[in-house]
Protein backbone atom coordinates (compact mmCIF):
# COMPACT_ATOMS: atom_id res chain seq x y z
CA MET A 1 36.96 -17.28 56.98
CA SER A 2 33.68 -18.58 55.63
CA ASP A 3 33.03 -20.63 52.50
CA ILE A 4 29.30 -20.06 52.79
CA THR A 5 27.66 -18.22 49.91
CA TYR A 6 24.58 -16.12 50.68
CA ILE A 7 21.94 -15.03 48.18
CA ASP A 8 19.22 -12.68 49.39
CA GLY A 9 20.42 -13.44 52.92
CA TRP A 10 19.96 -17.22 52.63
CA PRO A 11 22.94 -19.58 52.87
CA GLN A 12 23.34 -21.63 49.69
CA PRO A 13 24.34 -25.30 49.42
CA TYR A 14 27.94 -26.32 48.76
CA PRO A 15 28.32 -27.33 45.09
CA LEU A 16 29.52 -30.90 45.72
CA LEU A 17 29.86 -32.86 42.48
CA ASP A 18 28.15 -36.05 43.76
CA ALA A 19 25.04 -34.06 44.74
CA GLN A 20 24.57 -32.00 41.57
CA PRO A 21 21.69 -34.21 40.27
CA TYR A 22 19.92 -33.75 43.64
CA TRP A 23 20.14 -29.92 43.51
CA ALA A 24 19.10 -29.84 39.84
CA ALA A 25 16.05 -32.00 40.61
CA LEU A 26 15.07 -29.73 43.51
CA ASN A 27 15.09 -26.75 41.16
CA ARG A 28 12.44 -28.66 39.16
CA GLU A 29 10.59 -29.31 42.46
CA GLU A 30 11.44 -33.00 42.39
CA LEU A 31 12.89 -34.86 45.37
CA THR A 32 15.46 -37.53 44.48
CA TYR A 33 17.88 -39.88 46.23
CA GLN A 34 20.42 -42.51 45.25
CA ARG A 35 19.88 -46.28 45.36
CA CYS A 36 22.58 -48.90 44.87
CA THR A 37 21.67 -51.34 42.10
CA ALA A 38 24.12 -53.89 43.54
CA CYS A 39 22.76 -54.18 47.11
CA ASP A 40 19.44 -52.28 46.72
CA GLN A 41 20.14 -49.94 49.67
CA ALA A 42 19.11 -46.28 49.72
CA VAL A 43 22.14 -43.99 49.77
CA TRP A 44 22.02 -40.58 51.42
CA PRO A 45 23.77 -38.18 51.35
CA ALA A 46 25.00 -38.49 47.76
CA HIS A 47 28.11 -40.59 47.17
CA SER A 48 30.19 -41.76 44.23
CA GLU A 49 30.14 -45.31 45.58
CA CYS A 50 27.80 -47.25 47.86
CA PRO A 51 28.70 -46.88 51.56
CA HIS A 52 26.95 -50.23 52.23
CA CYS A 53 28.72 -52.51 49.73
CA GLY A 54 31.33 -50.35 47.95
CA ALA A 55 29.83 -50.78 44.48
CA GLN A 56 29.87 -47.90 42.03
CA ALA A 57 26.38 -48.85 40.88
CA LEU A 58 24.37 -45.88 42.14
CA GLU A 59 21.39 -44.46 40.33
CA TRP A 60 19.20 -41.45 41.05
CA ARG A 61 15.54 -42.22 41.69
CA PRO A 62 12.51 -40.08 42.43
CA ALA A 63 11.44 -40.08 46.07
CA SER A 64 7.78 -40.30 47.07
CA GLY A 65 8.09 -37.14 49.18
CA ARG A 66 6.49 -38.94 52.12
CA GLY A 67 7.97 -39.94 55.44
CA ARG A 68 7.63 -39.75 59.20
CA VAL A 69 9.26 -37.47 61.73
CA TYR A 70 12.22 -39.38 63.19
CA SER A 71 13.53 -36.60 65.46
CA PHE A 72 13.17 -32.84 65.72
CA SER A 73 14.20 -29.73 67.58
CA THR A 74 12.56 -26.31 67.72
CA VAL A 75 14.90 -23.34 67.34
CA HIS A 76 14.11 -20.18 69.30
CA ARG A 77 17.15 -18.06 68.36
CA GLY A 78 17.89 -17.65 64.67
CA SER A 79 21.52 -17.39 63.54
CA THR A 80 20.86 -14.84 60.77
CA LYS A 81 18.28 -12.10 60.29
CA HIS A 82 16.29 -14.38 57.95
CA TRP A 83 16.14 -17.15 60.55
CA GLN A 84 15.51 -14.67 63.37
CA ALA A 85 12.39 -13.55 61.51
CA ARG A 86 11.14 -17.18 61.42
CA VAL A 87 11.59 -18.20 65.06
CA PRO A 88 10.36 -20.43 66.41
CA TYR A 89 11.04 -22.90 63.60
CA THR A 90 11.59 -26.63 63.69
CA VAL A 91 14.23 -28.78 62.04
CA GLY A 92 14.59 -32.51 62.15
CA PHE A 93 15.22 -35.82 60.48
CA ILE A 94 12.52 -37.35 58.31
CA ALA A 95 12.55 -41.14 57.87
CA MET A 96 11.70 -41.32 54.18
CA GLU A 97 9.57 -44.17 52.79
CA GLU A 98 12.51 -45.19 50.61
CA GLY A 99 14.73 -46.03 53.60
CA TYR A 100 16.93 -43.00 54.22
CA HIS A 101 16.82 -40.01 56.59
CA LEU A 102 16.69 -36.41 55.36
CA PHE A 103 17.52 -33.41 57.56
CA THR A 104 15.14 -30.55 56.82
CA GLU A 105 12.79 -27.92 58.18
CA ILE A 106 9.40 -29.10 59.40
CA VAL A 107 6.84 -26.38 58.70
CA ALA A 108 4.15 -26.68 61.38
CA ALA A 109 3.31 -25.24 64.76
CA PRO A 110 6.07 -26.64 67.02
CA GLU A 111 3.56 -27.97 69.56
CA SER A 112 1.82 -30.00 66.84
CA ILE A 113 4.93 -31.94 65.77
CA ALA A 114 5.44 -35.45 67.14
CA ILE A 115 7.74 -38.41 66.54
CA GLU A 116 6.27 -40.73 63.87
CA MET A 117 3.99 -37.97 62.55
CA PRO A 118 3.42 -38.53 58.82
CA VAL A 119 4.74 -35.68 56.68
CA THR A 120 4.98 -34.78 53.01
CA VAL A 121 7.40 -32.64 51.04
CA ARG A 122 6.80 -29.07 49.95
CA PHE A 123 9.32 -26.93 48.07
CA GLU A 124 10.49 -23.44 49.04
CA THR A 125 12.90 -21.16 47.22
CA ARG A 126 15.63 -19.76 49.45
CA GLY A 127 18.00 -17.48 47.60
CA ALA A 128 18.79 -19.17 44.29
CA GLN A 129 18.01 -22.71 45.45
CA VAL A 130 14.77 -24.63 45.87
CA LEU A 131 14.81 -26.69 49.07
CA PRO A 132 12.58 -29.44 50.43
CA VAL A 133 10.67 -28.72 53.63
CA PHE A 134 8.09 -31.01 55.17
CA VAL A 135 4.56 -30.35 56.38
CA PRO A 136 2.07 -32.60 58.20
CA GLU A 137 0.47 -35.05 55.77
CA GLY A 138 -2.55 -33.45 54.17
CA GLY A 139 -1.20 -29.96 54.92
CA ALA A 140 0.80 -29.38 51.73
């Protein structure tokens, strides 16, 4: 049994209530994250209370869209026909300027990607949802 919804062959995000502002912002091609106004820590993924201090003082803020590659892996065997058509592709964690890590696709030749490489966000529509992907800085 699978709870995954596919549109045009692309898996769609789970509609979790805490993350609805994030998905809505992405559809406007805006990258957002939560910050706790009590302890000033970035919060990701979305929560209803701060995982650092427990306060329910979270607000959504715009992200700069800039970060550095923290870790990555290149995939050579896609799990669906859409991903099979894209191999090789690279996924990884981006250390965002705001202090959180975002798991995403890194759109670049796999051999050109390196830890600490500066990257910037770009938006791609996959099915019914706009998603953030990252490209080398200056390559957006």
